[in-house]
Amino acid sequence: ITTGMFIPRSSRVPLFEAVVSYCRLPFHSYVREVAYDGSLLGGVEIDVLVREDVVWCQTHFFWGSSFDGCSSLYDQAAYQVVRFLQSVYGFVIAD
């Protein structure tokens, strides 16, 4: 009997979208750039409220490449944002 092994791959983008909703970020977007070597970079831009008593945001950019084994251009950047927001808001993600 031969047993096979497989590694399921799923996108981190839906997780990112859920975290954006949970944290109530005022703005987020997906950006694409072409690097000097011609490779495609996928990025995520977010605005994070710095203080609740005034409307003051800081903009953060996170980048990932399409050649790092991720299934989506934005997976690596989305993962970075989730980790960053965990450090800011202190939430835990459980599966």
Protein backbone atom coordinates (compact mmCIF):
# COMPACT_ATOMS: atom_id res chain seq x y z
CA ILE A 1 0.00 0.00 0.00
CA THR A 2 1.35 3.34 -0.99
CA THR A 3 0.47 6.28 1.15
CA GLY A 4 0.69 9.73 -0.22
CA MET A 5 1.40 12.94 1.53
CA PHE A 6 0.15 16.30 0.51
CA ILE A 7 0.51 19.78 1.85
CA PRO A 8 -2.67 21.84 1.66
CA ARG A 9 -2.11 25.42 0.63
CA SER A 10 -4.52 28.15 1.44
CA SER A 11 -4.38 31.85 0.96
CA ARG A 12 -3.72 34.12 3.91
CA VAL A 13 -5.65 36.93 2.24
CA PRO A 14 -9.07 35.89 3.67
CA LEU A 15 -7.49 35.78 7.15
CA PHE A 16 -6.08 39.26 6.54
CA GLU A 17 -9.52 40.51 5.47
CA ALA A 18 -11.07 39.08 8.65
CA VAL A 19 -8.40 40.75 10.80
CA VAL A 20 -8.94 44.09 9.03
CA SER A 21 -12.62 43.85 9.88
CA TYR A 22 -11.94 42.79 13.48
CA CYS A 23 -9.48 45.67 14.04
CA ARG A 24 -11.73 48.13 12.19
CA LEU A 25 -8.91 49.57 10.16
CA PRO A 26 -9.96 52.79 8.45
CA PHE A 27 -8.18 51.87 5.18
CA HIS A 28 -6.44 48.99 3.45
CA SER A 29 -5.50 48.28 -0.14
CA TYR A 30 -3.54 45.90 -2.31
CA VAL A 31 -0.70 47.26 -4.42
CA ARG A 32 1.47 45.76 -7.15
CA GLU A 33 4.93 46.83 -8.25
CA VAL A 34 7.50 45.56 -10.70
CA ALA A 35 10.99 45.31 -9.17
CA TYR A 36 14.16 46.40 -10.96
CA ASP A 37 14.83 42.78 -11.98
CA GLY A 38 11.36 42.41 -13.50
CA SER A 39 9.88 40.32 -10.69
CA LEU A 40 6.40 41.14 -9.49
CA LEU A 41 5.90 42.35 -5.93
CA GLY A 42 2.58 42.26 -4.11
CA GLY A 43 1.94 44.60 -1.25
CA VAL A 44 -0.60 45.59 1.31
CA GLU A 45 -1.07 49.13 2.55
CA ILE A 46 -2.90 49.75 5.82
CA ASP A 47 -3.78 52.74 7.96
CA VAL A 48 -3.74 52.16 11.71
CA LEU A 49 -5.33 54.53 14.19
CA VAL A 50 -2.66 55.75 16.56
CA ARG A 51 -4.90 57.46 19.10
CA GLU A 52 -8.60 56.97 19.63
CA ASP A 53 -9.34 60.48 20.93
CA VAL A 54 -8.25 62.07 17.65
CA VAL A 55 -8.38 60.89 14.07
CA TRP A 56 -4.72 60.27 13.43
CA CYS A 57 -3.48 57.38 11.32
CA GLN A 58 -0.14 55.91 10.45
CA THR A 59 0.27 54.27 7.05
CA HIS A 60 2.24 51.02 6.82
CA PHE A 61 3.32 49.06 3.73
CA PHE A 62 4.15 45.35 3.65
CA TRP A 63 5.64 43.60 0.60
CA GLY A 64 6.06 40.08 -0.67
CA SER A 65 7.25 38.51 -3.91
CA SER A 66 5.47 36.03 -6.12
CA PHE A 67 8.52 33.75 -6.13
CA ASP A 68 8.63 32.81 -2.45
CA GLY A 69 6.36 29.76 -2.66
CA CYS A 70 3.16 31.55 -1.69
CA SER A 71 0.03 30.63 -3.56
CA SER A 72 -1.01 34.24 -4.05
CA LEU A 73 0.95 37.37 -4.85
CA TYR A 74 -0.34 38.99 -1.66
CA ASP A 75 0.00 36.04 0.76
CA GLN A 76 3.36 36.98 2.22
CA ALA A 77 2.38 40.63 2.72
CA ALA A 78 -0.99 39.65 4.22
CA TYR A 79 0.78 37.36 6.70
CA GLN A 80 3.16 40.17 7.68
CA VAL A 81 0.22 42.52 8.29
CA VAL A 82 -1.58 39.97 10.48
CA ARG A 83 1.57 39.50 12.58
CA PHE A 84 2.02 43.27 12.85
CA LEU A 85 -1.60 43.82 13.89
CA GLN A 86 -1.29 41.06 16.50
CA SER A 87 1.54 43.04 18.10
CA VAL A 88 -0.49 46.27 17.99
CA TYR A 89 -3.90 44.97 19.12
CA GLY A 90 -2.82 41.92 21.14
CA PHE A 91 -5.24 39.37 19.67
CA VAL A 92 -4.55 35.66 19.17
CA ILE A 93 -5.61 33.58 16.17
CA ALA A 94 -6.57 29.98 16.88
CA ASP A 95 -7.56 27.32 14.39
